[in-house]
């Protein structure tokens, strides 16, 4: 290839949230040349940016054993014990050493000047570090500031990965087909020019985020379309626990609100869920924990209550909270709701469940290594086993931070190069002979069909009949979309549509294969 040198790295990372940027910072500090691809024009745009609640950190009230117990109970005992124990031992200290001391994240403090620990659902003690209600934004800003200031990290914004490059699938050398499969890069689209380039590295990290936009209602940003899951699956990587899709109980219900999350921390400070009859109903569903029960149980309780009352939403009541200045503690929620005419100190907040977090993903080990040589996955798209069947609140950022760090170190320890012969055998991207311009109306309608299918048939409450219908509809759509993709002039939207339908099929197939209701996979 004539000009690949500018796009050849020691480590290539696809995604720029907390997991990907932590891996980049770690590897760059150890001397590796790192390339980071983000399909967003602004690389800070990610699921991390929108995380409100916080991240589990060190607490005098806490112990590794107690944190392990809470994670495993929330995960319905489907967790990898090895992964959980690694997290509870190494995760909280990393928040202190990397985020607070090294990167200078200014976590909120109480009147005594100490870290203001908060609590969320299913946590036994206050152990969550936060920056008001914009924790993810503060962390992401610190991480992005660090990688943009590094001379060893090259950032490619507005660049959408299309497919992973492997020796077996892409080399023109027939002998490579008989060698062990390994990933050596990715083809990626420049969203502005619509040109496709190959990027190379002996280690490629998927840090592409979640699957929220496979569903009609989600708290995720637009870019969460299951890209990493689809790309890894197409080359044969192992996928695990894809049926476990977590829905957040409380997303603001308002026609002008978009996808605005109402953090669980508000319930941690005392807010309670209220139905249209004026009853605090959670005691009927989860007597021991009520409004602070595990997310999957709270979500189903809200769903049942909406079903029982034939309503589109329930209300969250924070009006009785004392001892906390809601406007100061939750400024983003206060201002957003206020702009819609809702004063959270005096008014009830209309809320509805929405897809929030993917507990399954590409199967990885304790260093983030997948089942395919050269391919790593970290963050939400990876399945480490930490979350089991349901994620404990504020553990996801911690998992992403820790596995990003471990992945960056592991790659640095195993540093190697791609052979020149193999590199030269990889062809440039080939455009179809006859290119079809896409009709955005048709593409948007296909997206809507995927999202409606997943919401109605593979959402909060599932049945075998619904899942079977979803599989049939998605299989039909997949065939049509793949044919269209093969002849289309590529855009980010078309790539995302192709990935969305495949990622949806993976989730539905996993759900059909598991008849046992557990955690956030609930089957009637």
Protein backbone atom coordinates (compact mmCIF):
# COMPACT_ATOMS: atom_id res chain seq x y z
CA UNK A 1 0.00 0.00 0.00
CA UNK A 2 1.46 3.30 -1.09
CA UNK A 3 0.68 5.71 1.75
CA UNK A 4 -0.26 3.64 4.75
CA UNK A 5 2.66 4.90 6.87
CA UNK A 6 0.70 7.85 8.21
CA UNK A 7 -2.02 5.45 9.30
CA UNK A 8 0.14 2.72 10.85
CA UNK A 9 0.38 2.59 14.65
CA UNK A 10 1.51 0.38 17.49
CA UNK A 11 -2.02 0.49 18.90
CA UNK A 12 -5.26 1.45 17.19
CA UNK A 13 -8.31 2.31 19.32
CA UNK A 14 -11.81 2.60 17.89
CA UNK A 15 -13.79 4.82 20.26
CA UNK A 16 -12.95 7.71 22.57
CA UNK A 17 -14.93 7.24 25.79
CA UNK A 18 -13.38 6.52 29.17
CA UNK A 19 -12.19 3.00 28.22
CA UNK A 20 -10.57 3.94 24.92
CA UNK A 21 -8.92 7.12 26.14
CA UNK A 22 -7.58 5.40 29.27
CA UNK A 23 -6.02 2.68 27.10
CA UNK A 24 -4.52 5.38 24.86
CA UNK A 25 -3.05 7.35 27.76
CA UNK A 26 -1.59 4.20 29.30
CA UNK A 27 0.03 2.89 26.11
CA UNK A 28 1.32 6.31 25.06
CA UNK A 29 2.97 6.78 28.45
CA UNK A 30 4.87 3.57 27.80
CA UNK A 31 6.18 4.72 24.44
CA UNK A 32 3.67 3.33 21.95
CA UNK A 33 2.38 5.29 18.97
CA UNK A 34 -1.39 5.29 19.34
CA UNK A 35 -4.15 6.10 16.85
CA UNK A 36 -7.67 6.89 18.11
CA UNK A 37 -10.66 6.82 15.77
CA UNK A 38 -13.95 8.51 16.71
CA UNK A 39 -16.95 8.67 14.41
CA UNK A 40 -18.03 11.89 16.14
CA UNK A 41 -16.76 15.33 15.04
CA UNK A 42 -16.04 16.06 18.73
CA UNK A 43 -14.14 13.16 20.28
CA UNK A 44 -15.55 13.83 23.75
CA UNK A 45 -19.01 12.85 22.46
CA UNK A 46 -19.59 9.38 23.92
CA UNK A 47 -21.69 7.52 26.47
CA UNK A 48 -19.13 8.58 29.07
CA UNK A 49 -19.93 12.26 28.50
CA UNK A 50 -23.58 11.71 29.50
CA UNK A 51 -22.94 9.63 32.63
CA UNK A 52 -24.51 11.61 35.47
CA UNK A 53 -24.38 9.49 38.61
CA UNK A 54 -20.74 8.76 39.34
CA UNK A 55 -18.02 6.17 39.72
CA UNK A 56 -17.29 3.85 42.64
CA UNK A 57 -14.23 5.02 44.55
CA UNK A 58 -12.51 4.40 47.89
CA UNK A 59 -14.70 4.82 50.96
CA UNK A 60 -14.05 4.35 54.67
CA UNK A 61 -17.48 2.72 54.94
CA UNK A 62 -16.64 0.19 52.25
CA UNK A 63 -14.63 -3.00 51.86
CA UNK A 64 -13.76 -5.05 48.76
CA UNK A 65 -15.89 -7.86 50.15
CA UNK A 66 -18.94 -5.65 50.57
CA UNK A 67 -18.57 -4.15 47.11
CA UNK A 68 -18.18 -7.64 45.65
CA UNK A 69 -21.36 -8.76 47.38
CA UNK A 70 -23.37 -5.82 46.02
CA UNK A 71 -22.09 -6.35 42.46
CA UNK A 72 -22.86 -10.08 42.53
CA UNK A 73 -26.31 -9.65 44.06
CA UNK A 74 -27.21 -7.01 41.46
CA UNK A 75 -25.84 -9.29 38.73
CA UNK A 76 -28.03 -12.17 39.97
CA UNK A 77 -24.92 -14.29 40.65
CA UNK A 78 -24.12 -14.56 36.92
CA UNK A 79 -20.92 -12.54 37.31
CA UNK A 80 -17.38 -13.72 36.69
CA UNK A 81 -15.99 -13.89 40.22
CA UNK A 82 -12.43 -13.45 38.98
CA UNK A 83 -13.38 -10.26 37.15
CA UNK A 84 -15.39 -8.89 40.08
CA UNK A 85 -12.59 -9.54 42.55
CA UNK A 86 -10.09 -7.85 40.27
CA UNK A 87 -12.40 -4.85 40.00
CA UNK A 88 -13.06 -4.45 43.73
CA UNK A 89 -9.36 -4.69 44.59
CA UNK A 90 -7.83 -2.57 41.80
CA UNK A 91 -10.69 -0.34 40.65
CA UNK A 92 -11.37 2.11 43.52
CA UNK A 93 -7.65 2.88 44.13
CA UNK A 94 -7.31 3.68 40.41
CA UNK A 95 -10.02 6.32 40.72
CA UNK A 96 -7.89 8.03 43.35
CA UNK A 97 -4.49 7.63 41.65
CA UNK A 98 -5.39 8.18 38.00
CA UNK A 99 -8.53 10.30 37.90
CA UNK A 100 -8.11 12.47 40.96
CA UNK A 101 -4.36 12.78 41.45
CA UNK A 102 -2.93 12.35 37.93
CA UNK A 103 -5.70 13.84 35.78
CA UNK A 104 -7.06 16.28 38.34
CA UNK A 105 -10.75 15.39 38.19
CA UNK A 106 -12.32 17.65 40.80
CA UNK A 107 -14.86 15.40 42.50
CA UNK A 108 -17.54 17.11 44.58
CA UNK A 109 -16.78 17.73 48.25
CA UNK A 110 -18.98 18.20 51.28
CA UNK A 111 -18.97 21.06 53.78
CA UNK A 112 -16.06 19.43 55.63
CA UNK A 113 -13.94 19.40 52.49
CA UNK A 114 -14.08 15.62 52.11
CA UNK A 115 -15.15 13.74 48.97
CA UNK A 116 -18.96 13.90 48.89
CA UNK A 117 -19.86 10.23 48.61
CA UNK A 118 -23.33 9.41 47.33
CA UNK A 119 -25.34 6.22 47.06
CA UNK A 120 -27.38 4.65 44.27
CA UNK A 121 -29.76 1.71 44.01
CA UNK A 122 -28.56 -1.67 45.34
CA UNK A 123 -25.46 -0.17 47.03
CA UNK A 124 -25.06 -1.00 50.72
CA UNK A 125 -23.06 2.12 51.56
CA UNK A 126 -22.13 5.52 50.19
CA UNK A 127 -19.16 4.83 47.93
CA UNK A 128 -19.83 6.79 44.74
CA UNK A 129 -17.62 9.71 43.69
CA UNK A 130 -19.41 12.31 41.62
CA UNK A 131 -19.03 15.75 40.11
CA UNK A 132 -22.51 17.07 40.89
CA UNK A 133 -24.68 15.36 38.25
CA UNK A 134 -22.15 15.61 35.42
CA UNK A 135 -19.52 13.09 36.47
CA UNK A 136 -18.97 11.57 33.03
CA UNK A 137 -18.46 14.98 31.45
CA UNK A 138 -15.80 15.94 34.01
CA UNK A 139 -13.95 12.63 33.57
CA UNK A 140 -14.15 12.72 29.77
CA UNK A 141 -12.88 16.30 29.63
CA UNK A 142 -9.83 15.35 31.71
CA UNK A 143 -9.10 12.28 29.57
CA UNK A 144 -9.52 14.09 26.25
CA UNK A 145 -7.37 16.98 27.48
CA UNK A 146 -4.62 14.48 28.24
CA UNK A 147 -4.67 12.58 24.94
CA UNK A 148 -4.92 15.73 22.82
CA UNK A 149 -1.84 17.03 24.61
CA UNK A 150 0.13 13.85 23.98
CA UNK A 151 2.60 13.79 21.12
CA UNK A 152 2.26 10.01 20.95
CA UNK A 153 -1.50 9.95 20.25
CA UNK A 154 -2.96 10.80 16.84
CA UNK A 155 -6.71 11.45 16.82
CA UNK A 156 -8.96 10.92 13.82
CA UNK A 157 -12.34 12.50 14.56
CA UNK A 158 -15.35 12.17 12.24
CA UNK A 159 -14.05 8.75 11.14
CA UNK A 160 -16.33 5.70 11.12
CA UNK A 161 -14.83 2.20 11.31
CA UNK A 162 -16.40 -0.11 8.71
CA UNK A 163 -14.83 -3.53 9.16
CA UNK A 164 -11.84 -5.02 10.93
CA UNK A 165 -8.92 -6.08 8.76
CA UNK A 166 -7.55 -9.58 9.34
CA UNK A 167 -4.84 -11.62 7.65
CA UNK A 168 -7.33 -14.38 6.81
CA UNK A 169 -10.20 -12.25 5.49
CA UNK A 170 -8.33 -9.50 3.67
CA UNK A 171 -4.84 -10.53 2.58
CA UNK A 172 -4.23 -11.20 -1.12
CA UNK A 173 -1.59 -13.75 -0.08
CA UNK A 174 -3.42 -17.10 -0.22
CA UNK A 175 -1.06 -18.57 2.39
CA UNK A 176 -2.46 -16.23 5.05
CA UNK A 177 -5.75 -18.15 4.90
CA UNK A 178 -3.97 -21.12 6.48
CA UNK A 179 -2.44 -19.16 9.34
CA UNK A 180 -3.97 -18.25 12.69
CA UNK A 181 -6.56 -15.51 12.42
CA UNK A 182 -5.44 -12.15 13.72
CA UNK A 183 -6.61 -8.57 13.47
CA UNK A 184 -4.22 -6.01 12.00
CA UNK A 185 -6.36 -2.92 11.47
CA UNK A 186 -9.62 -1.51 10.18
CA UNK A 187 -11.10 0.09 7.10
CA UNK A 188 -12.66 3.42 8.07
CA UNK A 189 -14.74 6.10 6.39
CA UNK A 190 -13.87 9.79 6.51
CA UNK A 191 -17.37 11.11 7.18
CA UNK A 192 -16.63 14.45 5.51
CA UNK A 193 -14.98 13.36 2.26
CA UNK A 194 -16.67 9.90 2.15
CA UNK A 195 -13.28 8.37 1.28
CA UNK A 196 -12.25 5.05 2.83
CA UNK A 197 -8.77 4.46 4.26
CA UNK A 198 -7.06 1.51 5.90
CA UNK A 199 -5.57 1.96 9.39
CA UNK A 200 -3.08 -0.59 10.69
CA UNK A 201 -1.78 -1.78 14.05
CA UNK A 202 -0.74 -5.14 15.52
CA UNK A 203 -3.21 -4.44 18.35
CA UNK A 204 -6.71 -3.07 17.77
CA UNK A 205 -9.02 -2.10 20.62
CA UNK A 206 -12.80 -1.90 20.26
CA UNK A 207 -14.05 0.82 22.61
CA UNK A 208 -17.19 1.62 20.64
CA UNK A 209 -19.75 1.91 23.45
CA UNK A 210 -23.20 0.42 23.72
CA UNK A 211 -26.31 -0.61 21.80
CA UNK A 212 -28.88 1.93 22.98
CA UNK A 213 -29.97 3.07 19.53
CA UNK A 214 -31.12 -0.40 18.63
CA UNK A 215 -34.14 0.48 20.78
CA UNK A 216 -36.86 3.07 20.24
CA UNK A 217 -36.34 4.62 23.69
CA UNK A 218 -32.84 5.04 25.10
CA UNK A 219 -30.73 7.31 27.27
CA UNK A 220 -27.75 6.82 24.93
CA UNK A 221 -26.45 9.33 22.37
CA UNK A 222 -27.03 8.73 18.65
CA UNK A 223 -23.71 6.95 18.11
CA UNK A 224 -24.54 3.91 20.28
CA UNK A 225 -25.38 1.54 17.41
CA UNK A 226 -23.57 -1.67 18.39
CA UNK A 227 -20.72 -1.12 15.92
CA UNK A 228 -18.05 -3.00 17.86
CA UNK A 229 -20.35 -5.94 18.49
CA UNK A 230 -21.17 -6.26 14.79
CA UNK A 231 -17.59 -5.81 13.58
CA UNK A 232 -16.23 -8.40 16.01
CA UNK A 233 -19.03 -10.87 15.22
CA UNK A 234 -18.40 -10.63 11.47
CA UNK A 235 -14.86 -11.94 11.89
CA UNK A 236 -15.86 -14.68 14.34
CA UNK A 237 -15.08 -13.24 17.78
CA UNK A 238 -16.86 -14.83 20.74
CA UNK A 239 -19.83 -12.90 22.13
CA UNK A 240 -21.22 -13.48 25.63
CA UNK A 241 -24.38 -12.55 27.60
CA UNK A 242 -25.88 -10.53 24.74
CA UNK A 243 -29.39 -11.11 26.09
CA UNK A 244 -28.68 -8.95 29.15
CA UNK A 245 -29.73 -5.44 28.13
CA UNK A 246 -30.32 -3.06 31.02
CA UNK A 247 -33.07 -0.45 30.98
CA UNK A 248 -32.81 2.61 33.16
CA UNK A 249 -35.95 3.22 35.20
CA UNK A 250 -36.04 6.99 34.93
CA UNK A 251 -35.62 8.96 31.72
CA UNK A 252 -37.44 12.28 31.53
CA UNK A 253 -40.79 11.95 29.74
CA UNK A 254 -41.36 15.13 27.79
CA UNK A 255 -41.75 15.79 24.08
CA UNK A 256 -39.02 18.43 24.17
CA UNK A 257 -36.59 16.53 26.40
CA UNK A 258 -34.95 14.13 23.96
CA UNK A 259 -32.99 11.43 25.83
CA UNK A 260 -32.42 13.11 29.15
CA UNK A 261 -31.56 10.79 32.02
CA UNK A 262 -32.70 11.39 35.59
CA UNK A 263 -29.86 9.88 37.58
CA UNK A 264 -30.45 7.19 40.16
CA UNK A 265 -28.59 9.40 42.62
CA UNK A 266 -31.75 11.46 42.95
CA UNK A 267 -33.46 8.40 44.41
CA UNK A 268 -30.31 7.80 46.43
CA UNK A 269 -30.95 11.18 48.07
CA UNK A 270 -34.56 10.23 48.81
CA UNK A 271 -36.73 10.77 45.71
CA UNK A 272 -39.58 8.26 45.33
CA UNK A 273 -41.63 6.91 42.44
CA UNK A 274 -45.30 7.83 42.38
CA UNK A 275 -48.15 6.57 40.19
CA UNK A 276 -51.03 8.61 38.80
CA UNK A 277 -53.24 7.62 41.73
CA UNK A 278 -50.79 9.33 44.09
CA UNK A 279 -49.36 6.12 45.58
CA UNK A 280 -45.68 5.42 46.25
CA UNK A 281 -45.87 2.02 44.61
CA UNK A 282 -42.38 0.53 44.84
CA UNK A 283 -43.01 -1.00 48.28
CA UNK A 284 -45.49 -3.36 46.61
CA UNK A 285 -42.90 -4.67 44.16
CA UNK A 286 -39.63 -4.66 46.15
CA UNK A 287 -40.53 -4.52 49.86
CA UNK A 288 -36.95 -4.69 51.13
CA UNK A 289 -35.44 -1.99 48.91
CA UNK A 290 -38.41 -0.14 47.36
CA UNK A 291 -37.14 2.73 45.18
CA UNK A 292 -33.51 1.66 45.63
CA UNK A 293 -33.95 -1.87 44.30
CA UNK A 294 -31.84 -3.24 41.41
CA UNK A 295 -32.45 -1.45 38.14
CA UNK A 296 -34.08 -4.36 36.34
CA UNK A 297 -36.61 -4.84 39.13
CA UNK A 298 -37.41 -1.14 39.40
CA UNK A 299 -37.78 -0.90 35.63
CA UNK A 300 -40.21 -3.82 35.48
CA UNK A 301 -42.18 -2.40 38.40
CA UNK A 302 -42.61 0.89 36.56
CA UNK A 303 -43.56 -0.97 33.37
CA UNK A 304 -46.18 -2.99 35.26
CA UNK A 305 -47.55 0.11 36.96
CA UNK A 306 -47.85 1.92 33.63
CA UNK A 307 -49.56 -1.15 32.21
CA UNK A 308 -51.94 -1.35 35.17
CA UNK A 309 -52.92 2.30 34.93
CA UNK A 310 -52.76 2.44 31.13
CA UNK A 311 -50.39 5.40 31.39
CA UNK A 312 -47.35 6.48 29.39
CA UNK A 313 -45.22 7.43 32.40
CA UNK A 314 -44.98 7.59 36.18
CA UNK A 315 -43.73 10.47 38.35
CA UNK A 316 -40.62 10.93 40.47
CA UNK A 317 -41.18 12.90 43.65
CA UNK A 318 -38.21 14.81 45.05
CA UNK A 319 -40.28 17.53 46.68
CA UNK A 320 -40.01 16.08 50.20
CA UNK A 321 -36.17 15.84 50.22
CA UNK A 322 -34.60 17.88 53.00
CA UNK A 323 -30.99 18.59 53.83
CA UNK A 324 -29.97 18.67 50.15
CA UNK A 325 -30.12 21.74 47.91
CA UNK A 326 -31.38 20.05 44.74
CA UNK A 327 -30.49 23.00 42.52
CA UNK A 328 -26.87 22.82 43.68
CA UNK A 329 -26.51 19.04 43.94
CA UNK A 330 -28.21 18.28 40.61
CA UNK A 331 -27.67 21.43 38.51
CA UNK A 332 -28.04 19.72 35.12
CA UNK A 333 -31.31 18.02 36.07
CA UNK A 334 -32.55 21.19 37.78
CA UNK A 335 -31.81 23.42 34.80
CA UNK A 336 -33.03 20.99 32.14
CA UNK A 337 -36.29 20.30 33.94
CA UNK A 338 -36.62 24.01 34.72
CA UNK A 339 -36.35 24.88 31.04
CA UNK A 340 -39.40 22.66 30.51
CA UNK A 341 -41.38 24.30 33.29
CA UNK A 342 -40.65 21.64 35.93
CA UNK A 343 -39.19 22.82 39.25
CA UNK A 344 -37.88 19.58 40.78
CA UNK A 345 -38.05 21.18 44.26
CA UNK A 346 -41.82 21.67 43.92
CA UNK A 347 -43.07 19.62 40.96
CA UNK A 348 -43.28 15.92 40.18
CA UNK A 349 -40.95 14.74 37.39
CA UNK A 350 -42.54 12.60 34.63
CA UNK A 351 -40.29 9.60 33.92
CA UNK A 352 -40.31 6.45 31.80
CA UNK A 353 -37.86 3.52 31.44
CA UNK A 354 -35.45 3.46 28.48
CA UNK A 355 -32.56 1.30 27.26
CA UNK A 356 -29.43 2.31 29.13
CA UNK A 357 -26.60 -0.22 29.31
CA UNK A 358 -25.44 -3.41 27.59
CA UNK A 359 -24.26 -5.98 30.14
CA UNK A 360 -23.06 -8.47 27.50
CA UNK A 361 -20.71 -7.96 24.59
CA UNK A 362 -17.51 -9.21 23.01
CA UNK A 363 -16.03 -11.78 25.39
CA UNK A 364 -12.69 -10.70 26.88
CA UNK A 365 -10.25 -11.82 29.55
CA UNK A 366 -8.79 -9.82 32.44
CA UNK A 367 -6.62 -7.80 30.04
CA UNK A 368 -9.38 -7.11 27.52
CA UNK A 369 -8.11 -9.69 25.00
CA UNK A 370 -10.84 -11.22 22.84
CA UNK A 371 -10.87 -14.72 21.36
CA UNK A 372 -9.04 -13.40 18.29
CA UNK A 373 -5.34 -12.51 18.31
CA UNK A 374 -4.63 -8.81 18.06
CA UNK A 375 -8.19 -7.78 18.98
CA UNK A 376 -9.09 -6.26 22.34
CA UNK A 377 -12.36 -4.83 23.63
CA UNK A 378 -12.93 -2.51 26.58
CA UNK A 379 -15.81 -0.57 28.05
CA UNK A 380 -19.48 -1.19 27.38
CA UNK A 381 -18.99 -3.22 24.19
CA UNK A 382 -16.83 -5.74 26.09
CA UNK A 383 -18.12 -8.51 28.33
CA UNK A 384 -15.66 -8.95 31.18
CA UNK A 385 -18.22 -10.76 33.33
CA UNK A 386 -18.21 -8.00 35.96
CA UNK A 387 -21.89 -7.16 35.50
CA UNK A 388 -23.36 -10.64 35.18
CA UNK A 389 -27.06 -10.45 34.38
CA UNK A 390 -27.51 -6.85 35.53
CA UNK A 391 -25.17 -3.92 36.18
CA UNK A 392 -24.79 -2.29 39.57
CA UNK A 393 -25.01 1.50 39.20
CA UNK A 394 -21.74 3.47 38.84
CA UNK A 395 -19.69 0.33 38.29
CA UNK A 396 -19.55 0.71 34.49
CA UNK A 397 -17.23 3.73 34.48
CA UNK A 398 -15.01 1.91 36.99
CA UNK A 399 -14.88 -1.23 34.84
CA UNK A 400 -14.07 0.83 31.74
CA UNK A 401 -11.32 2.72 33.57
CA UNK A 402 -9.70 -0.44 34.95
CA UNK A 403 -9.87 -2.50 31.76
CA UNK A 404 -8.70 0.47 29.71
CA UNK A 405 -5.65 0.68 31.99
CA UNK A 406 -5.02 -3.09 31.94
CA UNK A 407 -5.46 -3.28 28.18
CA UNK A 408 -3.02 -0.42 27.59
CA UNK A 409 -0.43 -2.11 29.81
CA UNK A 410 -0.98 -5.55 28.27
CA UNK A 411 -0.51 -4.25 24.73
CA UNK A 412 2.64 -2.40 25.80
CA UNK A 413 4.05 -5.60 27.31
CA UNK A 414 3.39 -7.59 24.11
CA UNK A 415 4.45 -4.89 21.65
CA UNK A 416 5.21 -6.20 18.16
CA UNK A 417 4.97 -5.02 14.55
CA UNK A 418 3.09 -6.21 11.47
CA UNK A 419 5.39 -7.81 8.91
CA UNK A 420 6.00 -5.74 5.79
CA UNK A 421 4.99 -8.62 3.53
CA UNK A 422 1.62 -9.03 5.22
CA UNK A 423 1.06 -5.28 5.28
CA UNK A 424 1.74 -4.95 1.56
CA UNK A 425 -0.71 -7.77 0.80
CA UNK A 426 -3.72 -5.87 2.14
CA UNK A 427 -5.63 -4.15 -0.69
CA UNK A 428 -7.09 -0.69 -0.69
CA UNK A 429 -10.84 -0.43 -0.13
CA UNK A 430 -12.72 -1.33 -3.32
CA UNK A 431 -15.78 0.74 -4.23
CA UNK A 432 -18.67 -1.08 -5.96
CA UNK A 433 -18.62 -0.81 -9.75
CA UNK A 434 -22.05 0.80 -9.81
CA UNK A 435 -22.68 3.07 -6.85
CA UNK A 436 -26.23 3.68 -5.63
CA UNK A 437 -27.00 6.94 -3.87
CA UNK A 438 -29.00 6.25 -0.73
CA UNK A 439 -32.45 7.64 -0.04
CA UNK A 440 -32.31 9.02 3.54
CA UNK A 441 -36.04 8.45 3.99
CA UNK A 442 -35.64 4.72 3.35
CA UNK A 443 -32.59 4.44 5.59
CA UNK A 444 -34.31 6.31 8.42
CA UNK A 445 -37.38 4.10 8.05
CA UNK A 446 -35.21 0.97 8.28
CA UNK A 447 -33.64 2.36 11.46
CA UNK A 448 -37.08 3.04 12.91
CA UNK A 449 -38.21 -0.50 12.04
CA UNK A 450 -35.19 -2.02 13.80
CA UNK A 451 -35.74 0.15 16.87
CA UNK A 452 -39.48 -0.54 17.05
CA UNK A 453 -38.92 -4.26 16.63
CA UNK A 454 -36.37 -4.36 19.43
CA UNK A 455 -38.45 -2.19 21.77
CA UNK A 456 -41.69 -4.11 21.27
CA UNK A 457 -40.37 -7.68 20.98
CA UNK A 458 -37.01 -7.73 22.79
CA UNK A 459 -37.41 -4.96 25.34
CA UNK A 460 -38.19 -4.80 29.04
CA UNK A 461 -40.48 -7.84 29.14
CA UNK A 462 -39.95 -10.60 26.57
CA UNK A 463 -41.73 -13.76 25.48
CA UNK A 464 -40.68 -16.55 23.18
CA UNK A 465 -43.40 -15.58 20.71
CA UNK A 466 -42.22 -11.96 20.61
CA UNK A 467 -38.57 -12.93 20.24
CA UNK A 468 -39.37 -15.37 17.43
CA UNK A 469 -41.20 -12.62 15.58
CA UNK A 470 -38.26 -10.27 16.13
CA UNK A 471 -35.82 -12.81 14.74
CA UNK A 472 -37.88 -13.39 11.60
CA UNK A 473 -38.35 -9.68 10.93
CA UNK A 474 -34.70 -8.81 11.57
CA UNK A 475 -33.38 -11.69 9.44
CA UNK A 476 -35.48 -10.44 6.52
CA UNK A 477 -34.29 -6.87 7.04
CA UNK A 478 -30.67 -7.95 7.36
CA UNK A 479 -30.67 -9.60 3.96
CA UNK A 480 -32.14 -6.49 2.30
CA UNK A 481 -29.82 -4.07 4.14
CA UNK A 482 -26.71 -6.11 3.34
CA UNK A 483 -27.61 -6.13 -0.37
CA UNK A 484 -28.12 -2.37 -0.29
CA UNK A 485 -24.86 -1.83 1.63
CA UNK A 486 -22.88 -3.74 -1.00
CA UNK A 487 -23.90 -1.33 -3.74
CA UNK A 488 -24.25 1.94 -1.84
CA UNK A 489 -21.98 4.93 -1.61
CA UNK A 490 -21.01 4.59 2.03
CA UNK A 491 -22.02 7.09 4.69
CA UNK A 492 -21.85 6.87 8.47
CA UNK A 493 -25.62 6.33 8.58
CA UNK A 494 -25.50 3.33 6.23
CA UNK A 495 -22.63 1.73 8.16
CA UNK A 496 -24.55 2.20 11.41
CA UNK A 497 -27.71 0.71 9.91
CA UNK A 498 -25.80 -2.39 8.80
CA UNK A 499 -24.27 -2.76 12.25
CA UNK A 500 -27.57 -2.09 14.03
CA UNK A 501 -29.50 -4.86 12.35
CA UNK A 502 -26.71 -7.41 12.95
CA UNK A 503 -26.25 -6.38 16.59
CA UNK A 504 -30.02 -6.67 17.08
CA UNK A 505 -30.01 -10.18 15.62
CA UNK A 506 -27.17 -11.17 17.99
CA UNK A 507 -29.17 -9.95 21.01
CA UNK A 508 -32.40 -11.64 19.91
CA UNK A 509 -30.69 -14.96 19.17
CA UNK A 510 -29.03 -14.90 22.58
CA UNK A 511 -32.37 -14.12 24.22
CA UNK A 512 -34.07 -17.00 22.41
CA UNK A 513 -31.28 -19.37 23.40
CA UNK A 514 -31.74 -18.55 27.10
CA UNK A 515 -35.18 -19.50 28.46
CA UNK A 516 -34.23 -18.59 32.05
CA UNK A 517 -35.42 -15.21 33.31
CA UNK A 518 -32.55 -13.60 35.12
CA UNK A 519 -31.46 -10.05 35.79
CA UNK A 520 -32.35 -7.79 32.91
CA UNK A 521 -33.35 -10.70 30.63
CA UNK A 522 -36.96 -11.17 31.71
CA UNK A 523 -39.01 -13.74 29.83
CA UNK A 524 -42.69 -14.37 30.46
